[in-house]
Amino acid sequence: MKRIYYIGLWVCQMLFLTACSDVVKFNDEKEDLFSNNGSPVISAVYDATNDDAAPITAGVLKQFIRLKGQNLANPKHVNINGVEVDVRDIYAESANSWIHIPRIVPESPTGILVYETQQGSVTINFDVSIPHMELEGLENEFVLPGNEVKVKGDYFDLFEFNDTTDASTASIVITNDALGYRQVIKTDSCTEDYTGIIIPKDCPDNSLITFSWQEMGQNYSKSIPYRMSDQLMFGNFDGDLGWWNDWGRGLVTDGTKDGDPVSLGYNFLRLTGTFGAWDWNSTGFGCNWRWLDASANPENYVVKFEVWTNSSNPFYSYGTNDVYNDKNGGYCFTLNNGEPRRQFDPVSEFNLTNTYGKWVTVAMPLDEMIQNKPLPTSPDQWVNFEFVCQPNPVDGVSAWNVDHAWGQFRIEPRNY
């Protein structure tokens, strides 16, 4: 019995020592992972979302990067291109450090990256591209006065449009010189993802909204249009527009019929119902042409209009149209008998699948609408506009069930 006892004791001692050895080994590995043995060293920088790519020497705002090197654990100070990084947002090990480049424009760009720990610091050349502010226009250019509207673009918050003080370098002014109207406004909401303004209740049609700001000490400004009713082609869709058929005339509504969207001050076209695959549905109407500069320089102009979808009836994705994969079918518009018809493909061309019951402004290049066909060079000559709905489903056979609307067709400059 004693012999068994001693053997059992020996086995227990060996198991205990083995277990202790494993604990020590685990702790050593953990310590090595998050410990430094000297000053930090950065051997390369990578896009953290694509470690298989080659190292990078510059980045962009918000980019997720990975620093590769030695002694990178426990950073206490990191600066990228003159912008401090909150070290609490950094995950760092001895051999790697993962960082999001801050979405902040530096007052004085340095073009370097500084990385400091308790045991030293390292500096490498690393530039960060500073974007220009992007200003496209209003999501709905015919929004009624007194309402908020989204401003399409990006980086507004980086250039002080979220600053409501008078000391801000950014400003927004709405003017109508013909009426002597001028009013300064502020953004009603300005975040990384959304910028909106409230149109003053007394703001007249045919006004310009001028955004002014600074980028690296240089002044910039851009004007965008608001309710350019003077440029409407078909007015209120009343009077003699030379309708081609009663079907087209029956599409006109004023916003008071069951299920209509709210009118933006004018009648509009609303198409509802079920239409079979490749069924041909078309109408046409026209106006006296008066945009003579657009006739001479169509590349500088666009055809604008507002579109609307019932939330339950988004736009359809267009399928492959034929063996040549031409852009055929779907919704098509023709101006002045231009050939071939210009397809309006909201999903692929404008990333517009569903407006969720709101009006949204769309612009199509005038030169693409007329397809090299000349426009009138003297005023008051008649120009036709053709509207076509020919469902082109992805599967080639399914019908379209639609509830869509269009309004305020007009001719405007690409830029003001």
Protein backbone atom coordinates (compact mmCIF):
# COMPACT_ATOMS: atom_id res chain seq x y z
CA MET A 1 0.00 0.00 0.00
CA LYS A 2 2.86 2.37 0.77
CA ARG A 3 4.30 1.79 -2.66
CA ILE A 4 1.03 2.81 -4.31
CA TYR A 5 0.88 5.90 -2.12
CA TYR A 6 4.31 7.12 -3.14
CA ILE A 7 3.64 6.52 -6.80
CA GLY A 8 0.36 8.44 -6.58
CA LEU A 9 2.07 11.33 -4.81
CA TRP A 10 4.72 11.50 -7.49
CA VAL A 11 2.08 11.59 -10.25
CA CYS A 12 0.20 14.41 -8.50
CA GLN A 13 3.40 16.43 -8.17
CA MET A 14 4.17 15.99 -11.87
CA LEU A 15 0.66 17.05 -12.88
CA PHE A 16 0.88 20.11 -10.63
CA LEU A 17 4.24 21.18 -12.07
CA THR A 18 2.99 20.63 -15.59
CA ALA A 19 -0.06 22.77 -14.94
CA CYS A 20 2.06 25.53 -13.42
CA SER A 21 4.36 25.37 -16.42
CA ASP A 22 1.41 25.85 -18.76
CA VAL A 23 0.17 28.86 -16.80
CA VAL A 24 3.57 30.47 -16.89
CA LYS A 25 3.84 29.84 -20.61
CA PHE A 26 0.38 31.39 -21.27
CA ASN A 27 1.19 34.44 -19.19
CA ASP A 28 4.51 34.84 -20.98
CA GLU A 29 2.78 34.77 -24.36
CA LYS A 30 0.19 37.31 -23.17
CA GLU A 31 2.91 39.51 -21.79
CA ASP A 32 4.86 39.30 -25.03
CA LEU A 33 1.75 40.24 -27.03
CA PHE A 34 1.15 43.47 -25.13
CA SER A 35 4.63 44.37 -23.85
CA ASN A 36 7.38 46.49 -25.33
CA ASN A 37 11.14 45.98 -25.20
CA GLY A 38 12.17 49.44 -26.33
CA SER A 39 11.16 52.38 -28.48
CA PRO A 40 8.39 51.81 -31.05
CA VAL A 41 9.33 50.87 -34.60
CA ILE A 42 6.98 51.16 -37.62
CA SER A 43 8.09 49.04 -40.56
CA ALA A 44 4.98 49.43 -42.75
CA VAL A 45 1.42 50.78 -42.87
CA TYR A 46 -1.46 48.83 -44.42
CA ASP A 47 -5.11 49.37 -45.18
CA ALA A 48 -6.58 47.31 -42.36
CA THR A 49 -9.47 46.19 -44.54
CA ASN A 50 -7.11 44.62 -47.09
CA ASP A 51 -3.98 43.19 -45.48
CA ASP A 52 -3.08 41.40 -48.71
CA ALA A 53 -2.48 44.71 -50.50
CA ALA A 54 0.88 46.45 -50.66
CA PRO A 55 1.90 48.87 -47.88
CA ILE A 56 0.58 52.42 -48.20
CA THR A 57 2.35 55.74 -47.65
CA ALA A 58 -0.77 57.95 -47.47
CA GLY A 59 -4.36 57.67 -46.36
CA VAL A 60 -7.75 59.36 -46.31
CA LEU A 61 -10.07 60.53 -43.56
CA LYS A 62 -11.82 57.71 -41.67
CA GLN A 63 -9.58 55.06 -43.22
CA PHE A 64 -8.87 52.06 -41.00
CA ILE A 65 -5.13 51.39 -41.04
CA ARG A 66 -2.78 48.86 -39.47
CA LEU A 67 0.72 49.77 -38.35
CA LYS A 68 3.19 46.90 -38.43
CA GLY A 69 6.38 47.01 -36.39
CA GLN A 70 7.72 46.47 -32.89
CA ASN A 71 7.00 47.83 -29.43
CA LEU A 72 3.66 49.36 -30.47
CA ALA A 73 1.63 48.28 -27.44
CA ASN A 74 0.16 50.79 -24.99
CA PRO A 75 0.39 53.99 -27.05
CA LYS A 76 0.13 57.20 -25.06
CA HIS A 77 0.22 59.75 -27.91
CA VAL A 78 -0.54 59.40 -31.63
CA ASN A 79 -0.79 62.22 -34.16
CA ILE A 80 -1.62 61.78 -37.86
CA ASN A 81 -1.10 64.70 -40.23
CA GLY A 82 -1.48 67.23 -37.42
CA VAL A 83 -4.58 65.65 -35.85
CA GLU A 84 -4.52 63.99 -32.43
CA VAL A 85 -5.90 60.46 -32.24
CA ASP A 86 -7.76 59.38 -29.11
CA VAL A 87 -5.58 56.49 -27.92
CA ARG A 88 -8.62 54.95 -26.24
CA ASP A 89 -9.88 54.17 -29.74
CA ILE A 90 -6.69 52.34 -30.74
CA TYR A 91 -6.21 48.60 -30.40
CA ALA A 92 -2.50 47.97 -30.15
CA GLU A 93 -0.27 44.94 -29.67
CA SER A 94 3.50 44.92 -29.67
CA ALA A 95 3.73 44.01 -33.36
CA ASN A 96 0.57 45.67 -34.72
CA SER A 97 -1.61 48.70 -34.06
CA TRP A 98 -5.04 49.35 -35.58
CA ILE A 99 -6.17 52.98 -36.00
CA HIS A 100 -9.03 54.88 -37.62
CA ILE A 101 -7.76 58.11 -39.17
CA PRO A 102 -9.89 60.86 -37.55
CA ARG A 103 -12.48 62.61 -39.68
CA ILE A 104 -11.00 66.01 -38.85
CA VAL A 105 -9.38 68.64 -41.06
CA PRO A 106 -6.11 69.81 -39.47
CA GLU A 107 -5.34 73.47 -39.04
CA SER A 108 -1.75 72.79 -40.11
CA PRO A 109 -1.20 69.53 -42.00
CA THR A 110 2.16 67.94 -41.20
CA GLY A 111 2.32 64.96 -43.55
CA ILE A 112 3.75 62.79 -40.78
CA LEU A 113 2.59 60.18 -38.30
CA VAL A 114 3.89 60.35 -34.73
CA TYR A 115 3.56 57.27 -32.48
CA GLU A 116 4.64 57.47 -28.86
CA THR A 117 4.70 54.97 -25.99
CA GLN A 118 6.22 55.12 -22.49
CA GLN A 119 9.51 53.90 -23.96
CA GLY A 120 9.95 56.37 -26.81
CA SER A 121 8.45 57.61 -30.07
CA VAL A 122 8.76 57.14 -33.81
CA THR A 123 7.92 59.48 -36.70
CA ILE A 124 7.25 58.44 -40.30
CA ASN A 125 6.10 60.26 -43.41
CA PHE A 126 2.37 59.66 -43.87
CA ASP A 127 0.14 62.14 -45.65
CA VAL A 128 -3.66 62.23 -45.39
CA SER A 129 -5.73 63.52 -48.28
CA ILE A 130 -8.09 66.32 -47.26
CA PRO A 131 -11.30 66.20 -49.31
CA HIS A 132 -12.91 69.19 -50.93
CA MET A 133 -16.44 69.87 -49.77
CA GLU A 134 -18.97 68.32 -52.13
CA LEU A 135 -22.13 70.31 -52.84
CA GLU A 136 -24.57 68.85 -55.36
CA GLY A 137 -27.85 70.61 -54.61
CA LEU A 138 -31.11 70.14 -52.77
CA GLU A 139 -32.64 66.69 -52.61
CA ASN A 140 -35.90 68.35 -53.66
CA GLU A 141 -35.34 71.66 -55.41
CA PHE A 142 -39.08 72.43 -55.45
CA VAL A 143 -39.66 71.90 -51.73
CA LEU A 144 -42.23 74.38 -50.50
CA PRO A 145 -41.08 77.39 -48.41
CA GLY A 146 -40.96 76.82 -44.67
CA ASN A 147 -39.90 73.19 -44.96
CA GLU A 148 -36.60 71.47 -44.22
CA VAL A 149 -34.76 69.92 -47.14
CA LYS A 150 -31.66 67.77 -47.35
CA VAL A 151 -28.58 69.27 -48.98
CA LYS A 152 -26.88 66.65 -51.13
CA GLY A 153 -23.11 66.44 -50.87
CA ASP A 154 -20.50 65.56 -48.28
CA TYR A 155 -18.06 66.94 -45.70
CA PHE A 156 -20.23 69.89 -44.66
CA ASP A 157 -19.42 69.24 -41.00
CA LEU A 158 -15.67 69.40 -41.71
CA PHE A 159 -15.92 72.97 -42.98
CA GLU A 160 -17.92 74.54 -40.14
CA PHE A 161 -21.44 74.30 -41.54
CA ASN A 162 -22.36 72.72 -38.20
CA ASP A 163 -21.23 75.92 -36.47
CA THR A 164 -24.17 78.25 -35.84
CA THR A 165 -22.14 81.16 -34.47
CA ASP A 166 -21.44 84.34 -36.38
CA ALA A 167 -17.72 83.60 -36.10
CA SER A 168 -18.02 80.60 -38.42
CA THR A 169 -16.10 80.78 -41.70
CA ALA A 170 -19.08 79.11 -43.40
CA SER A 171 -22.27 80.85 -44.45
CA ILE A 172 -25.47 80.24 -46.40
CA VAL A 173 -27.32 83.08 -48.12
CA ILE A 174 -30.54 82.86 -50.15
CA THR A 175 -30.98 85.63 -52.73
CA ASN A 176 -33.30 86.70 -55.50
CA ASP A 177 -31.74 89.78 -57.07
CA ALA A 178 -34.75 90.56 -59.26
CA LEU A 179 -36.95 90.91 -56.17
CA GLY A 180 -34.29 92.39 -53.89
CA TYR A 181 -34.57 89.39 -51.57
CA ARG A 182 -31.68 88.30 -49.36
CA GLN A 183 -31.66 86.19 -46.22
CA VAL A 184 -28.89 84.50 -44.24
CA ILE A 185 -29.74 81.06 -42.85
CA LYS A 186 -27.97 78.34 -40.87
CA THR A 187 -28.02 74.61 -41.27
CA ASP A 188 -30.92 73.14 -39.34
CA SER A 189 -28.98 69.90 -38.96
CA CYS A 190 -25.40 69.11 -39.88
CA THR A 191 -23.76 65.80 -39.07
CA GLU A 192 -21.38 63.43 -40.79
CA ASP A 193 -24.30 61.76 -42.55
CA TYR A 194 -26.92 64.47 -43.02
CA THR A 195 -27.10 68.19 -43.72
CA GLY A 196 -30.42 70.00 -43.91
CA ILE A 197 -31.63 73.57 -44.16
CA ILE A 198 -35.04 75.15 -43.65
CA ILE A 199 -36.21 77.26 -46.57
CA PRO A 200 -37.52 80.58 -45.20
CA LYS A 201 -41.31 80.90 -45.34
CA ASP A 202 -41.05 84.08 -47.42
CA CYS A 203 -38.45 82.75 -49.89
CA PRO A 204 -39.55 83.41 -53.49
CA ASP A 205 -39.21 81.07 -56.45
CA ASN A 206 -36.20 81.44 -58.76
CA SER A 207 -33.77 82.07 -55.91
CA LEU A 208 -30.15 81.02 -55.53
CA ILE A 209 -28.71 79.53 -52.35
CA THR A 210 -25.03 80.40 -52.02
CA PHE A 211 -22.77 78.35 -49.75
CA SER A 212 -19.44 79.96 -48.78
CA TRP A 213 -16.64 78.28 -46.84
CA GLN A 214 -12.88 78.02 -46.40
CA GLU A 215 -10.52 75.17 -47.18
CA MET A 216 -6.98 75.54 -45.88
CA GLY A 217 -7.37 79.29 -45.74
CA GLN A 218 -8.78 79.64 -49.27
CA ASN A 219 -12.29 80.94 -49.86
CA TYR A 220 -14.82 78.91 -51.84
CA SER A 221 -18.44 79.44 -52.80
CA LYS A 222 -21.08 77.69 -54.87
CA SER A 223 -24.69 78.57 -55.69
CA ILE A 224 -27.49 76.06 -56.12
CA PRO A 225 -31.01 76.74 -57.44
CA TYR A 226 -34.31 76.81 -55.59
CA ARG A 227 -37.67 76.43 -57.37
CA MET A 228 -36.69 77.62 -60.84
CA SER A 229 -40.32 77.95 -61.92
CA ASP A 230 -39.36 80.43 -64.66
CA GLN A 231 -37.69 77.52 -66.48
CA LEU A 232 -40.66 75.12 -66.48
CA MET A 233 -41.29 73.62 -69.90
CA PHE A 234 -44.95 72.65 -69.50
CA GLY A 235 -46.05 74.96 -66.70
CA ASN A 236 -49.02 73.54 -64.83
CA PHE A 237 -49.71 70.86 -67.48
CA ASP A 238 -52.75 72.84 -68.50
CA GLY A 239 -53.60 74.62 -71.72
CA ASP A 240 -52.93 73.23 -75.17
CA LEU A 241 -49.79 71.13 -74.91
CA GLY A 242 -50.54 69.19 -78.08
CA TRP A 243 -51.23 65.92 -76.31
CA TRP A 244 -50.73 62.86 -78.50
CA ASN A 245 -53.47 60.84 -76.84
CA ASP A 246 -56.04 60.82 -74.05
CA TRP A 247 -54.01 58.27 -72.07
CA GLY A 248 -51.28 60.84 -71.49
CA ARG A 249 -53.73 63.64 -70.70
CA GLY A 250 -55.33 61.33 -68.13
CA LEU A 251 -52.03 61.06 -66.21
CA VAL A 252 -52.25 64.72 -65.11
CA THR A 253 -53.31 65.25 -61.51
CA ASP A 254 -53.15 68.07 -58.96
CA GLY A 255 -52.41 66.27 -55.69
CA THR A 256 -56.03 65.98 -54.54
CA LYS A 257 -56.89 62.56 -55.97
CA ASP A 258 -56.84 59.46 -53.77
CA GLY A 259 -53.26 58.43 -53.08
CA ASP A 260 -51.70 61.47 -54.79
CA PRO A 261 -48.46 62.87 -53.43
CA VAL A 262 -48.61 66.43 -52.13
CA SER A 263 -48.36 68.91 -54.97
CA LEU A 264 -45.29 71.12 -55.06
CA GLY A 265 -47.42 73.92 -56.44
CA TYR A 266 -48.00 72.46 -59.90
CA ASN A 267 -49.90 69.66 -61.58
CA PHE A 268 -47.89 66.55 -62.33
CA LEU A 269 -48.02 63.17 -64.08
CA ARG A 270 -48.93 60.12 -62.00
CA LEU A 271 -48.73 56.64 -63.50
CA THR A 272 -50.53 53.85 -61.65
CA GLY A 273 -51.59 50.32 -62.49
CA THR A 274 -50.21 47.06 -63.84
CA PHE A 275 -48.34 46.95 -67.14
CA GLY A 276 -47.28 43.74 -68.86
CA ALA A 277 -43.69 42.91 -69.78
CA TRP A 278 -42.63 44.79 -72.91
CA ASP A 279 -46.07 46.37 -73.36
CA TRP A 280 -45.73 49.70 -75.14
CA ASN A 281 -47.27 52.68 -73.32
CA SER A 282 -46.43 56.13 -74.62
CA THR A 283 -47.68 59.67 -74.82
CA GLY A 284 -46.33 63.01 -75.87
CA PHE A 285 -46.82 66.73 -75.44
CA GLY A 286 -44.79 69.84 -76.13
CA CYS A 287 -43.90 73.49 -75.59
CA ASN A 288 -42.56 76.54 -77.37
CA TRP A 289 -38.78 76.47 -77.06
CA ARG A 290 -37.09 79.54 -75.53
CA TRP A 291 -33.77 78.23 -74.17
CA LEU A 292 -31.59 79.42 -77.03
CA ASP A 293 -28.29 79.26 -75.15
CA ALA A 294 -29.10 75.64 -74.36
CA SER A 295 -29.67 75.10 -78.09
CA ALA A 296 -26.19 76.41 -78.81
CA ASN A 297 -24.51 74.69 -75.85
CA PRO A 298 -26.58 71.64 -74.85
CA GLU A 299 -23.63 70.11 -73.01
CA ASN A 300 -23.94 72.90 -70.42
CA TYR A 301 -27.60 72.20 -69.61
CA VAL A 302 -29.75 69.53 -68.01
CA VAL A 303 -33.38 68.49 -68.06
CA LYS A 304 -34.56 68.50 -64.45
CA PHE A 305 -37.71 67.13 -62.85
CA GLU A 306 -38.97 65.71 -59.57
CA VAL A 307 -39.90 62.04 -59.19
CA TRP A 308 -42.00 60.28 -56.56
CA THR A 309 -42.70 56.67 -55.68
CA ASN A 310 -45.37 55.27 -53.44
CA SER A 311 -43.50 53.54 -50.60
CA SER A 312 -45.12 50.26 -51.63
CA ASN A 313 -44.10 50.64 -55.29
CA PRO A 314 -40.34 51.18 -55.67
CA PHE A 315 -38.73 51.58 -59.06
CA TYR A 316 -37.89 48.32 -60.79
CA SER A 317 -34.37 47.23 -61.64
CA TYR A 318 -34.02 46.90 -65.41
CA GLY A 319 -33.04 43.54 -66.85
CA THR A 320 -30.87 42.71 -69.83
CA ASN A 321 -32.77 44.22 -72.70
CA ASP A 322 -31.71 42.25 -75.78
CA VAL A 323 -28.83 40.29 -77.28
CA TYR A 324 -26.88 43.50 -77.82
CA ASN A 325 -27.46 44.59 -74.19
CA ASP A 326 -28.56 48.02 -75.39
CA LYS A 327 -30.26 50.37 -72.94
CA ASN A 328 -33.76 49.68 -74.13
CA GLY A 329 -37.18 49.61 -72.49
CA GLY A 330 -38.15 50.72 -69.00
CA TYR A 331 -38.96 54.41 -68.69
CA CYS A 332 -37.72 56.43 -71.68
CA PHE A 333 -37.87 60.14 -72.52
CA THR A 334 -37.41 61.76 -75.91
CA LEU A 335 -36.92 65.48 -76.51
CA ASN A 336 -37.38 66.95 -79.97
CA ASN A 337 -37.61 63.48 -81.53
CA GLY A 338 -34.08 62.59 -80.51
CA GLU A 339 -33.02 59.05 -81.37
CA PRO A 340 -32.50 56.66 -79.77
CA ARG A 341 -34.78 57.33 -76.85
CA ARG A 342 -33.00 58.32 -73.61
CA GLN A 343 -33.62 55.69 -70.95
CA PHE A 344 -34.42 56.88 -67.43
CA ASP A 345 -32.96 54.12 -65.24
CA PRO A 346 -33.47 55.38 -61.67
CA VAL A 347 -31.93 52.39 -59.87
CA SER A 348 -28.71 51.98 -61.87
CA GLU A 349 -28.15 55.58 -62.93
CA PHE A 350 -29.28 57.50 -59.87
CA ASN A 351 -29.17 54.86 -57.11
CA LEU A 352 -32.82 55.74 -56.58
CA THR A 353 -34.97 52.73 -55.76
CA ASN A 354 -37.64 54.17 -53.51
CA THR A 355 -38.39 57.80 -52.60
CA TYR A 356 -40.70 56.62 -49.80
CA GLY A 357 -43.45 59.06 -50.63
CA LYS A 358 -41.16 62.09 -51.02
CA TRP A 359 -40.37 64.15 -54.11
CA VAL A 360 -36.74 63.89 -55.26
CA THR A 361 -35.01 66.01 -57.92
CA VAL A 362 -33.33 64.30 -60.86
CA ALA A 363 -31.19 65.84 -63.63
CA MET A 364 -30.47 64.28 -67.03
CA PRO A 365 -27.95 65.76 -69.50
CA LEU A 366 -29.66 67.73 -72.23
CA ASP A 367 -27.25 66.58 -74.94
CA GLU A 368 -28.10 62.96 -74.12
CA MET A 369 -31.80 63.73 -74.35
CA ILE A 370 -31.57 65.15 -77.88
CA GLN A 371 -28.94 62.67 -79.20
CA ASN A 372 -27.21 65.21 -81.48
CA LYS A 373 -30.50 66.42 -82.96
CA PRO A 374 -30.40 70.24 -83.20
CA LEU A 375 -32.72 72.33 -81.06
CA PRO A 376 -34.49 75.48 -82.32
CA THR A 377 -32.28 78.53 -82.82
CA SER A 378 -35.10 81.07 -82.75
CA PRO A 379 -37.75 81.45 -80.03
CA ASP A 380 -41.22 79.94 -79.88
CA GLN A 381 -40.62 76.95 -82.11
CA TRP A 382 -42.48 73.81 -81.06
CA VAL A 383 -40.55 70.99 -79.37
CA ASN A 384 -42.05 67.60 -78.49
CA PHE A 385 -41.47 65.60 -75.34
CA GLU A 386 -42.22 61.87 -75.44
CA PHE A 387 -42.90 59.80 -72.31
CA VAL A 388 -42.65 55.99 -72.57
CA CYS A 389 -43.28 53.16 -70.12
CA GLN A 390 -42.23 49.76 -71.46
CA PRO A 391 -41.59 47.29 -68.59
CA ASN A 392 -38.34 45.40 -69.10
CA PRO A 393 -38.33 42.97 -66.14
CA VAL A 394 -35.22 41.08 -65.11
CA ASP A 395 -36.93 37.76 -65.72
CA GLY A 396 -38.32 38.97 -69.04
CA VAL A 397 -41.95 38.06 -68.28
CA SER A 398 -43.17 39.68 -65.05
CA ALA A 399 -45.53 42.65 -65.17
CA TRP A 400 -44.85 45.96 -63.47
CA ASN A 401 -47.15 47.20 -60.74
CA VAL A 402 -46.39 50.91 -60.51
CA ASP A 403 -47.40 54.03 -58.64
CA HIS A 404 -44.92 56.69 -59.73
CA ALA A 405 -45.11 60.42 -60.45
CA TRP A 406 -43.12 63.09 -62.33
CA GLY A 407 -43.38 66.86 -62.22
CA GLN A 408 -41.78 70.25 -62.90
CA PHE A 409 -39.92 69.36 -66.13
CA ARG A 410 -37.54 72.24 -66.83
CA ILE A 411 -34.29 73.29 -68.53
CA GLU A 412 -31.50 74.53 -66.29
CA PRO A 413 -27.74 75.15 -66.45
CA ARG A 414 -25.56 72.38 -65.06
CA ASN A 415 -23.92 74.96 -62.81
CA TYR A 416 -24.98 78.39 -61.60
